[in-house]
Amino acid sequence: MQEFNSISILSCGWLGESLSLNLLGKGFKVKGATTNLDKKERLLKHGIEAYQLRFEDLNEDMKSFLNSDILVLNLTIKDIELYRQFLPVLEKSPIKKLILVSSTGVYKNSAKPVDENSDLSESPWVEIENLLKDNANYQTTVLRFSGLFGGNRKPGNFLSGKKVKNADAPVNLIHRDDCIKIINEIIVQNMWNEVFSCTADTHPSKKEFYSKAADVIGVERPIFDEEEGSHSSFKLITNDKLKRRLNYEFIHPDLMKALELL
């Protein structure tokens, strides 16, 4: 029997909609928030309790939406003031567990492999993480996802025809399927008050990966600056903690092989 039965997902975009359908299929009561009326109607048809909400809508609908056991906060918004305004409403809600979808962009560039203990950058996500975690009203797990792909988000389109530096720098990406599976595992294993870097096992070079990615979907390859030799944006994210603590096995561990499935 599941300890937690109800989950609210803010918001149901490219990742959140797929996550909501997945969790619904696992027997959870799912509430989904979106700013899009058509999306709301689509969620309702699938059996999700859908809300048309903006993050700043701190009204009765938001209070109703937050009447759940778990909140998945899955936003691209980086305005810290909006999170500060949201926090008192969250604290007064029944939410006991929070999954914060963050980014490996919080890490500074480094010539050494980067893990959860590595130096952090001045990314807005660092401030957002610090604001939301370590709060006595709920327990938080932070998932720092690398670049996301899967479904209609095809890496071949990311850099097609663009001039790209650091051709030999490693790629840090994760498939949406694994993002969803990781969130499931956090809930099932009750893995709270943790921070995880979430990225695939392999790190091909930009040139190798994005050239093949373009070829797979038949678009123009990026133009790589072969003369530009610095690795100013270099960092290689490791996933050792994720695999160790969750005993996690990736659905798409190899990025080059994952391209063949798109």
C-alpha atoms as a PDB file:
ATOM      1  CA  MET A   1       0.000   0.000   0.000  1.00  0.00           C
ATOM      2  CA  GLN A   2       1.353   3.421  -0.928  1.00  0.00           C
ATOM      3  CA  GLU A   3       2.139   5.747   1.950  1.00  0.00           C
ATOM      4  CA  PHE A   4       1.319   8.729  -0.251  1.00  0.00           C
ATOM      5  CA  ASN A   5      -1.701   8.645  -2.530  1.00  0.00           C
ATOM      6  CA  SER A   6      -2.109  12.152  -3.920  1.00  0.00           C
ATOM      7  CA  ILE A   7       0.321  14.188  -5.981  1.00  0.00           C
ATOM      8  CA  SER A   8       0.105  17.715  -7.364  1.00  0.00           C
ATOM      9  CA  ILE A   9       2.287  18.610 -10.342  1.00  0.00           C
ATOM     10  CA  LEU A  10       3.120  22.260 -11.009  1.00  0.00           C
ATOM     11  CA  SER A  11       3.287  22.489 -13.918  1.00  0.00           C
ATOM     12  CA  CYS A  12       2.180  20.046 -16.616  1.00  0.00           C
ATOM     13  CA  GLY A  13       4.386  21.053 -19.518  1.00  0.00           C
ATOM     14  CA  TRP A  14       6.583  18.811 -21.667  1.00  0.00           C
ATOM     15  CA  LEU A  15       7.809  16.808 -18.651  1.00  0.00           C
ATOM     16  CA  GLY A  16       4.923  17.369 -16.251  1.00  0.00           C
ATOM     17  CA  GLU A  17       2.157  16.144 -18.550  1.00  0.00           C
ATOM     18  CA  SER A  18       3.943  12.857 -19.249  1.00  0.00           C
ATOM     19  CA  LEU A  19       4.731  12.512 -15.544  1.00  0.00           C
ATOM     20  CA  SER A  20       1.105  13.098 -14.573  1.00  0.00           C
ATOM     21  CA  LEU A  21      -0.119  10.375 -16.937  1.00  0.00           C
ATOM     22  CA  ASN A  22       2.549   7.990 -15.661  1.00  0.00           C
ATOM     23  CA  LEU A  23       1.653   8.536 -12.000  1.00  0.00           C
ATOM     24  CA  LEU A  24      -2.059   8.276 -12.761  1.00  0.00           C
ATOM     25  CA  GLY A  25      -1.348   4.873 -14.295  1.00  0.00           C
ATOM     26  CA  LYS A  26       0.431   3.857 -11.088  1.00  0.00           C
ATOM     27  CA  GLY A  27      -2.726   4.470  -9.065  1.00  0.00           C
ATOM     28  CA  PHE A  28      -2.018   7.913  -7.668  1.00  0.00           C
ATOM     29  CA  LYS A  29      -4.613  10.645  -7.442  1.00  0.00           C
ATOM     30  CA  VAL A  30      -3.040  13.320  -9.620  1.00  0.00           C
ATOM     31  CA  LYS A  31      -3.672  17.053  -9.769  1.00  0.00           C
ATOM     32  CA  GLY A  32      -2.083  18.945 -12.629  1.00  0.00           C
ATOM     33  CA  ALA A  33      -1.664  22.689 -13.123  1.00  0.00           C
ATOM     34  CA  THR A  34      -1.241  24.386 -16.482  1.00  0.00           C
ATOM     35  CA  THR A  35      -1.642  27.907 -17.817  1.00  0.00           C
ATOM     36  CA  ASN A  36      -3.145  26.548 -21.037  1.00  0.00           C
ATOM     37  CA  LEU A  37      -6.911  25.952 -21.291  1.00  0.00           C
ATOM     38  CA  ASP A  38      -6.578  23.330 -24.046  1.00  0.00           C
ATOM     39  CA  LYS A  39      -4.021  21.471 -21.958  1.00  0.00           C
ATOM     40  CA  LYS A  40      -6.354  21.610 -18.962  1.00  0.00           C
ATOM     41  CA  GLU A  41      -9.131  20.030 -21.010  1.00  0.00           C
ATOM     42  CA  ARG A  42      -6.773  17.326 -22.247  1.00  0.00           C
ATOM     43  CA  LEU A  43      -5.667  16.497 -18.704  1.00  0.00           C
ATOM     44  CA  LEU A  44      -9.282  16.308 -17.536  1.00  0.00           C
ATOM     45  CA  LYS A  45     -10.103  13.823 -20.296  1.00  0.00           C
ATOM     46  CA  HIS A  46      -7.338  11.553 -19.003  1.00  0.00           C
ATOM     47  CA  GLY A  47      -8.750  11.605 -15.480  1.00  0.00           C
ATOM     48  CA  ILE A  48      -6.380  14.147 -13.973  1.00  0.00           C
ATOM     49  CA  GLU A  49      -7.846  16.809 -11.685  1.00  0.00           C
ATOM     50  CA  ALA A  50      -6.685  19.749 -13.765  1.00  0.00           C
ATOM     51  CA  TYR A  51      -6.319  23.412 -12.849  1.00  0.00           C
ATOM     52  CA  GLN A  52      -5.608  26.431 -15.006  1.00  0.00           C
ATOM     53  CA  LEU A  53      -3.147  28.269 -12.773  1.00  0.00           C
ATOM     54  CA  ARG A  54      -0.179  30.561 -12.957  1.00  0.00           C
ATOM     55  CA  PHE A  55       2.521  30.273 -10.302  1.00  0.00           C
ATOM     56  CA  GLU A  56       1.603  33.708  -8.972  1.00  0.00           C
ATOM     57  CA  ASP A  57      -2.107  32.822  -8.611  1.00  0.00           C
ATOM     58  CA  LEU A  58      -2.120  32.494  -4.821  1.00  0.00           C
ATOM     59  CA  ASN A  59      -5.892  32.051  -4.640  1.00  0.00           C
ATOM     60  CA  GLU A  60      -8.441  29.462  -3.543  1.00  0.00           C
ATOM     61  CA  ASP A  61      -7.765  27.389  -6.654  1.00  0.00           C
ATOM     62  CA  MET A  62      -4.089  27.210  -5.686  1.00  0.00           C
ATOM     63  CA  LYS A  63      -5.015  26.157  -2.149  1.00  0.00           C
ATOM     64  CA  SER A  64      -7.251  23.432  -3.571  1.00  0.00           C
ATOM     65  CA  PHE A  65      -4.510  22.360  -5.958  1.00  0.00           C
ATOM     66  CA  LEU A  66      -2.049  22.054  -3.049  1.00  0.00           C
ATOM     67  CA  ASN A  67      -4.398  19.778  -1.108  1.00  0.00           C
ATOM     68  CA  SER A  68      -2.197  16.719  -1.706  1.00  0.00           C
ATOM     69  CA  ASP A  69       0.480  14.621  -0.040  1.00  0.00           C
ATOM     70  CA  ILE A  70       3.278  15.416  -2.505  1.00  0.00           C
ATOM     71  CA  LEU A  71       4.097  18.407  -4.691  1.00  0.00           C
ATOM     72  CA  VAL A  72       6.284  18.125  -7.766  1.00  0.00           C
ATOM     73  CA  LEU A  73       7.501  21.654  -8.469  1.00  0.00           C
ATOM     74  CA  ASN A  74       8.459  21.508 -12.122  1.00  0.00           C
ATOM     75  CA  LEU A  75       8.837  25.087 -13.319  1.00  0.00           C
ATOM     76  CA  THR A  76      11.153  26.979 -15.638  1.00  0.00           C
ATOM     77  CA  ILE A  77      10.462  30.190 -13.683  1.00  0.00           C
ATOM     78  CA  LYS A  78      13.599  31.626 -12.073  1.00  0.00           C
ATOM     79  CA  ASP A  79      12.110  34.683 -10.341  1.00  0.00           C
ATOM     80  CA  ILE A  80      13.046  34.186  -6.680  1.00  0.00           C
ATOM     81  CA  GLU A  81      10.429  36.723  -5.548  1.00  0.00           C
ATOM     82  CA  LEU A  82       7.630  34.526  -6.930  1.00  0.00           C
ATOM     83  CA  TYR A  83       8.962  31.593  -4.904  1.00  0.00           C
ATOM     84  CA  ARG A  84       9.097  33.764  -1.788  1.00  0.00           C
ATOM     85  CA  GLN A  85       5.475  34.750  -2.310  1.00  0.00           C
ATOM     86  CA  PHE A  86       4.497  31.118  -2.927  1.00  0.00           C
ATOM     87  CA  LEU A  87       6.243  29.743   0.166  1.00  0.00           C
ATOM     88  CA  PRO A  88       3.700  30.860   2.848  1.00  0.00           C
ATOM     89  CA  VAL A  89       0.871  29.268   0.841  1.00  0.00           C
ATOM     90  CA  LEU A  90       2.872  26.060   0.507  1.00  0.00           C
ATOM     91  CA  GLU A  91       3.681  26.038   4.223  1.00  0.00           C
ATOM     92  CA  LYS A  92      -0.016  26.260   5.134  1.00  0.00           C
ATOM     93  CA  SER A  93      -0.987  23.450   2.755  1.00  0.00           C
ATOM     94  CA  PRO A  94      -1.205  19.699   3.546  1.00  0.00           C
ATOM     95  CA  ILE A  95       1.883  19.059   1.379  1.00  0.00           C
ATOM     96  CA  LYS A  96       4.369  16.945   3.335  1.00  0.00           C
ATOM     97  CA  LYS A  97       6.845  16.064   0.583  1.00  0.00           C
ATOM     98  CA  LEU A  98       8.303  18.240  -2.169  1.00  0.00           C
ATOM     99  CA  ILE A  99      10.217  17.196  -5.276  1.00  0.00           C
ATOM    100  CA  LEU A 100      11.965  20.225  -6.747  1.00  0.00           C
ATOM    101  CA  VAL A 101      13.045  19.873 -10.357  1.00  0.00           C
ATOM    102  CA  SER A 102      16.256  21.883 -10.600  1.00  0.00           C
ATOM    103  CA  SER A 103      19.177  21.901 -13.023  1.00  0.00           C
ATOM    104  CA  THR A 104      22.801  20.782 -13.237  1.00  0.00           C
ATOM    105  CA  GLY A 105      23.337  24.371 -14.353  1.00  0.00           C
ATOM    106  CA  VAL A 106      23.859  25.064 -10.630  1.00  0.00           C
ATOM    107  CA  TYR A 107      27.391  23.653 -10.893  1.00  0.00           C
ATOM    108  CA  LYS A 108      30.435  25.677 -11.802  1.00  0.00           C
ATOM    109  CA  ASN A 109      32.481  24.610 -14.803  1.00  0.00           C
ATOM    110  CA  SER A 110      35.261  22.273 -13.780  1.00  0.00           C
ATOM    111  CA  ALA A 111      38.069  20.218 -15.274  1.00  0.00           C
ATOM    112  CA  LYS A 112      37.186  17.480 -12.757  1.00  0.00           C
ATOM    113  CA  PRO A 113      34.023  15.348 -12.748  1.00  0.00           C
ATOM    114  CA  VAL A 114      31.198  17.215 -11.015  1.00  0.00           C
ATOM    115  CA  ASP A 115      29.001  15.723  -8.279  1.00  0.00           C
ATOM    116  CA  GLU A 116      26.583  16.936  -5.606  1.00  0.00           C
ATOM    117  CA  ASN A 117      29.434  18.262  -3.473  1.00  0.00           C
ATOM    118  CA  SER A 118      31.038  20.312  -6.249  1.00  0.00           C
ATOM    119  CA  ASP A 119      31.170  24.106  -6.244  1.00  0.00           C
ATOM    120  CA  LEU A 120      27.957  25.887  -7.174  1.00  0.00           C
ATOM    121  CA  SER A 121      27.551  28.734  -9.615  1.00  0.00           C
ATOM    122  CA  GLU A 122      25.492  31.897  -9.264  1.00  0.00           C
ATOM    123  CA  SER A 123      22.544  30.237 -10.981  1.00  0.00           C
ATOM    124  CA  PRO A 124      19.114  31.412  -9.788  1.00  0.00           C
ATOM    125  CA  TRP A 125      18.355  27.749  -9.071  1.00  0.00           C
ATOM    126  CA  VAL A 126      20.834  27.766  -6.186  1.00  0.00           C
ATOM    127  CA  GLU A 127      18.820  30.459  -4.411  1.00  0.00           C
ATOM    128  CA  ILE A 128      15.539  28.710  -5.228  1.00  0.00           C
ATOM    129  CA  GLU A 129      16.831  25.403  -3.876  1.00  0.00           C
ATOM    130  CA  ASN A 130      18.034  27.047  -0.669  1.00  0.00           C
ATOM    131  CA  LEU A 131      14.718  28.805  -0.155  1.00  0.00           C
ATOM    132  CA  LEU A 132      12.608  25.665  -0.524  1.00  0.00           C
ATOM    133  CA  LYS A 133      14.671  22.956   1.134  1.00  0.00           C
ATOM    134  CA  ASP A 134      15.399  22.596   4.847  1.00  0.00           C
ATOM    135  CA  ASN A 135      11.866  23.731   5.685  1.00  0.00           C
ATOM    136  CA  ALA A 136      10.209  22.177   8.748  1.00  0.00           C
ATOM    137  CA  ASN A 137       6.775  22.141   7.084  1.00  0.00           C
ATOM    138  CA  TYR A 138       7.712  19.519   4.489  1.00  0.00           C
ATOM    139  CA  GLN A 139      10.612  17.352   3.309  1.00  0.00           C
ATOM    140  CA  THR A 140      12.327  18.167   0.033  1.00  0.00           C
ATOM    141  CA  THR A 141      14.338  16.216  -2.493  1.00  0.00           C
ATOM    142  CA  VAL A 142      16.082  18.238  -5.187  1.00  0.00           C
ATOM    143  CA  LEU A 143      16.568  16.644  -8.597  1.00  0.00           C
ATOM    144  CA  ARG A 144      19.179  18.454 -10.655  1.00  0.00           C
ATOM    145  CA  PHE A 145      18.395  17.328 -14.201  1.00  0.00           C
ATOM    146  CA  SER A 146      20.842  17.771 -17.044  1.00  0.00           C
ATOM    147  CA  GLY A 147      19.558  18.862 -20.455  1.00  0.00           C
ATOM    148  CA  LEU A 148      16.278  17.132 -21.245  1.00  0.00           C
ATOM    149  CA  PHE A 149      15.314  15.294 -24.412  1.00  0.00           C
ATOM    150  CA  GLY A 150      12.831  12.694 -25.595  1.00  0.00           C
ATOM    151  CA  GLY A 151       9.407  12.679 -27.225  1.00  0.00           C
ATOM    152  CA  ASN A 152       9.178  15.632 -29.592  1.00  0.00           C
ATOM    153  CA  ARG A 153      12.228  17.278 -28.037  1.00  0.00           C
ATOM    154  CA  LYS A 154      14.897  15.990 -30.413  1.00  0.00           C
ATOM    155  CA  PRO A 155      18.557  16.932 -29.817  1.00  0.00           C
ATOM    156  CA  GLY A 156      19.125  17.197 -33.562  1.00  0.00           C
ATOM    157  CA  ASN A 157      17.107  20.411 -33.505  1.00  0.00           C
ATOM    158  CA  PHE A 158      18.983  21.971 -30.578  1.00  0.00           C
ATOM    159  CA  LEU A 159      22.014  23.200 -32.504  1.00  0.00           C
ATOM    160  CA  SER A 160      21.105  22.544 -36.135  1.00  0.00           C
ATOM    161  CA  GLY A 161      22.950  24.929 -38.460  1.00  0.00           C
ATOM    162  CA  LYS A 162      24.372  26.918 -35.542  1.00  0.00           C
ATOM    163  CA  LYS A 163      28.029  27.776 -34.971  1.00  0.00           C
ATOM    164  CA  VAL A 164      29.180  25.843 -31.919  1.00  0.00           C
ATOM    165  CA  LYS A 165      32.293  26.232 -29.781  1.00  0.00           C
ATOM    166  CA  ASN A 166      33.929  23.650 -27.514  1.00  0.00           C
ATOM    167  CA  ALA A 167      33.406  20.793 -29.967  1.00  0.00           C
ATOM    168  CA  ASP A 168      35.247  18.339 -27.701  1.00  0.00           C
ATOM    169  CA  ALA A 169      33.399  19.278 -24.500  1.00  0.00           C
ATOM    170  CA  PRO A 170      31.269  16.473 -22.979  1.00  0.00           C
ATOM    171  CA  VAL A 171      27.495  16.446 -23.321  1.00  0.00           C
ATOM    172  CA  ASN A 172      25.330  16.170 -20.196  1.00  0.00           C
ATOM    173  CA  LEU A 173      21.777  15.077 -21.028  1.00  0.00           C
ATOM    174  CA  ILE A 174      18.993  12.892 -19.648  1.00  0.00           C
ATOM    175  CA  HIS A 175      15.978  11.331 -21.372  1.00  0.00           C
ATOM    176  CA  ARG A 176      12.479  12.215 -20.197  1.00  0.00           C
ATOM    177  CA  ASP A 177      11.767   8.516 -19.566  1.00  0.00           C
ATOM    178  CA  ASP A 178      14.506   8.491 -16.936  1.00  0.00           C
ATOM    179  CA  CYS A 179      13.316  11.742 -15.356  1.00  0.00           C
ATOM    180  CA  ILE A 180       9.909  10.145 -14.835  1.00  0.00           C
ATOM    181  CA  LYS A 181      11.365   6.900 -13.520  1.00  0.00           C
ATOM    182  CA  ILE A 182      13.616   8.766 -11.077  1.00  0.00           C
ATOM    183  CA  ILE A 183      10.667  10.736  -9.675  1.00  0.00           C
ATOM    184  CA  ASN A 184       8.787   7.456  -9.244  1.00  0.00           C
ATOM    185  CA  GLU A 185      11.721   5.944  -7.374  1.00  0.00           C
ATOM    186  CA  ILE A 186      12.028   8.940  -5.046  1.00  0.00           C
ATOM    187  CA  ILE A 187       8.384   8.475  -4.052  1.00  0.00           C
ATOM    188  CA  VAL A 188       8.412   4.679  -3.792  1.00  0.00           C
ATOM    189  CA  GLN A 189      11.663   4.565  -1.827  1.00  0.00           C
ATOM    190  CA  ASN A 190      10.776   7.548   0.401  1.00  0.00           C
ATOM    191  CA  MET A 191      14.067   9.187  -0.493  1.00  0.00           C
ATOM    192  CA  TRP A 192      13.577  12.627   1.038  1.00  0.00           C
ATOM    193  CA  ASN A 193      15.915  15.395   2.180  1.00  0.00           C
ATOM    194  CA  GLU A 194      18.334  14.525  -0.614  1.00  0.00           C
ATOM    195  CA  VAL A 195      19.960  16.177  -3.616  1.00  0.00           C
ATOM    196  CA  PHE A 196      20.669  14.158  -6.765  1.00  0.00           C
ATOM    197  CA  SER A 197      22.471  14.979  -9.995  1.00  0.00           C
ATOM    198  CA  CYS A 198      20.530  13.262 -12.761  1.00  0.00           C
ATOM    199  CA  THR A 199      22.314  12.656 -16.047  1.00  0.00           C
ATOM    200  CA  ALA A 200      22.903   9.726 -18.382  1.00  0.00           C
ATOM    201  CA  ASP A 201      25.937   7.463 -17.968  1.00  0.00           C
ATOM    202  CA  THR A 202      27.732   8.489 -21.137  1.00  0.00           C
ATOM    203  CA  HIS A 203      29.158  11.865 -22.146  1.00  0.00           C
ATOM    204  CA  PRO A 204      30.036  11.951 -25.831  1.00  0.00           C
ATOM    205  CA  SER A 205      31.596  15.110 -27.208  1.00  0.00           C
ATOM    206  CA  LYS A 206      29.375  17.864 -28.571  1.00  0.00           C
ATOM    207  CA  LYS A 207      30.673  17.219 -32.055  1.00  0.00           C
ATOM    208  CA  GLU A 208      30.070  13.476 -31.936  1.00  0.00           C
ATOM    209  CA  PHE A 209      26.627  13.686 -30.344  1.00  0.00           C
ATOM    210  CA  TYR A 210      25.060  16.628 -32.132  1.00  0.00           C
ATOM    211  CA  SER A 211      26.379  15.576 -35.536  1.00  0.00           C
ATOM    212  CA  LYS A 212      24.692  12.202 -35.175  1.00  0.00           C
ATOM    213  CA  ALA A 213      21.601  13.810 -33.644  1.00  0.00           C
ATOM    214  CA  ALA A 214      21.199  15.992 -36.724  1.00  0.00           C
ATOM    215  CA  ASP A 215      21.757  13.063 -39.086  1.00  0.00           C
ATOM    216  CA  VAL A 216      19.143  10.927 -37.313  1.00  0.00           C
ATOM    217  CA  ILE A 217      16.338  13.397 -38.037  1.00  0.00           C
ATOM    218  CA  GLY A 218      17.730  14.682 -41.332  1.00  0.00           C
ATOM    219  CA  VAL A 219      18.547  18.282 -40.434  1.00  0.00           C
ATOM    220  CA  GLU A 220      21.664  20.402 -40.970  1.00  0.00           C
ATOM    221  CA  ARG A 221      24.593  19.585 -38.716  1.00  0.00           C
ATOM    222  CA  PRO A 222      25.986  22.246 -36.377  1.00  0.00           C
ATOM    223  CA  ILE A 223      29.068  24.121 -37.581  1.00  0.00           C
ATOM    224  CA  PHE A 224      31.854  23.374 -35.122  1.00  0.00           C
ATOM    225  CA  ASP A 225      34.613  25.897 -34.542  1.00  0.00           C
ATOM    226  CA  GLU A 226      37.622  23.591 -34.797  1.00  0.00           C
ATOM    227  CA  GLU A 227      40.048  26.449 -34.113  1.00  0.00           C
ATOM    228  CA  GLU A 228      38.438  27.302 -30.791  1.00  0.00           C
ATOM    229  CA  GLY A 229      40.289  25.086 -28.346  1.00  0.00           C
ATOM    230  CA  SER A 230      39.262  26.302 -24.909  1.00  0.00           C
ATOM    231  CA  HIS A 231      36.790  24.389 -22.783  1.00  0.00           C
ATOM    232  CA  SER A 232      35.308  27.425 -21.079  1.00  0.00           C
ATOM    233  CA  SER A 233      31.958  25.688 -20.617  1.00  0.00           C
ATOM    234  CA  PHE A 234      33.394  22.297 -19.747  1.00  0.00           C
ATOM    235  CA  LYS A 235      31.858  20.150 -17.040  1.00  0.00           C
ATOM    236  CA  LEU A 236      31.118  16.451 -16.815  1.00  0.00           C
ATOM    237  CA  ILE A 237      28.259  15.608 -14.460  1.00  0.00           C
ATOM    238  CA  THR A 238      28.430  12.280 -12.622  1.00  0.00           C
ATOM    239  CA  ASN A 239      25.432  10.235 -11.491  1.00  0.00           C
ATOM    240  CA  ASP A 240      27.170   7.949  -8.974  1.00  0.00           C
ATOM    241  CA  LYS A 241      25.076   9.039  -5.979  1.00  0.00           C
ATOM    242  CA  LEU A 242      21.804   8.541  -7.853  1.00  0.00           C
ATOM    243  CA  LYS A 243      22.707   5.009  -8.900  1.00  0.00           C
ATOM    244  CA  ARG A 244      24.092   4.104  -5.479  1.00  0.00           C
ATOM    245  CA  ARG A 245      21.361   5.495  -3.225  1.00  0.00           C
ATOM    246  CA  LEU A 246      18.382   4.533  -5.407  1.00  0.00           C
ATOM    247  CA  ASN A 247      19.979   1.410  -6.893  1.00  0.00           C
ATOM    248  CA  TYR A 248      18.949   3.108 -10.102  1.00  0.00           C
ATOM    249  CA  GLU A 249      19.272   1.577 -13.558  1.00  0.00           C
ATOM    250  CA  PHE A 250      18.851   3.939 -16.476  1.00  0.00           C
ATOM    251  CA  ILE A 251      16.341   3.276 -19.243  1.00  0.00           C
ATOM    252  CA  HIS A 252      18.603   5.246 -21.599  1.00  0.00           C
ATOM    253  CA  PRO A 253      22.130   5.089 -20.143  1.00  0.00           C
ATOM    254  CA  ASP A 254      23.924   5.562 -23.491  1.00  0.00           C
ATOM    255  CA  LEU A 255      23.185   8.855 -25.221  1.00  0.00           C
ATOM    256  CA  MET A 256      24.415   7.753 -28.631  1.00  0.00           C
ATOM    257  CA  LYS A 257      22.185   4.684 -28.550  1.00  0.00           C
ATOM    258  CA  ALA A 258      19.253   6.767 -27.301  1.00  0.00           C
ATOM    259  CA  LEU A 259      19.463   8.862 -30.471  1.00  0.00           C
ATOM    260  CA  GLU A 260      18.677   5.785 -32.535  1.00  0.00           C
ATOM    261  CA  LEU A 261      15.322   5.417 -30.724  1.00  0.00           C
ATOM    262  CA  LEU A 262      14.096   8.944 -31.504  1.00  0.00           C
END
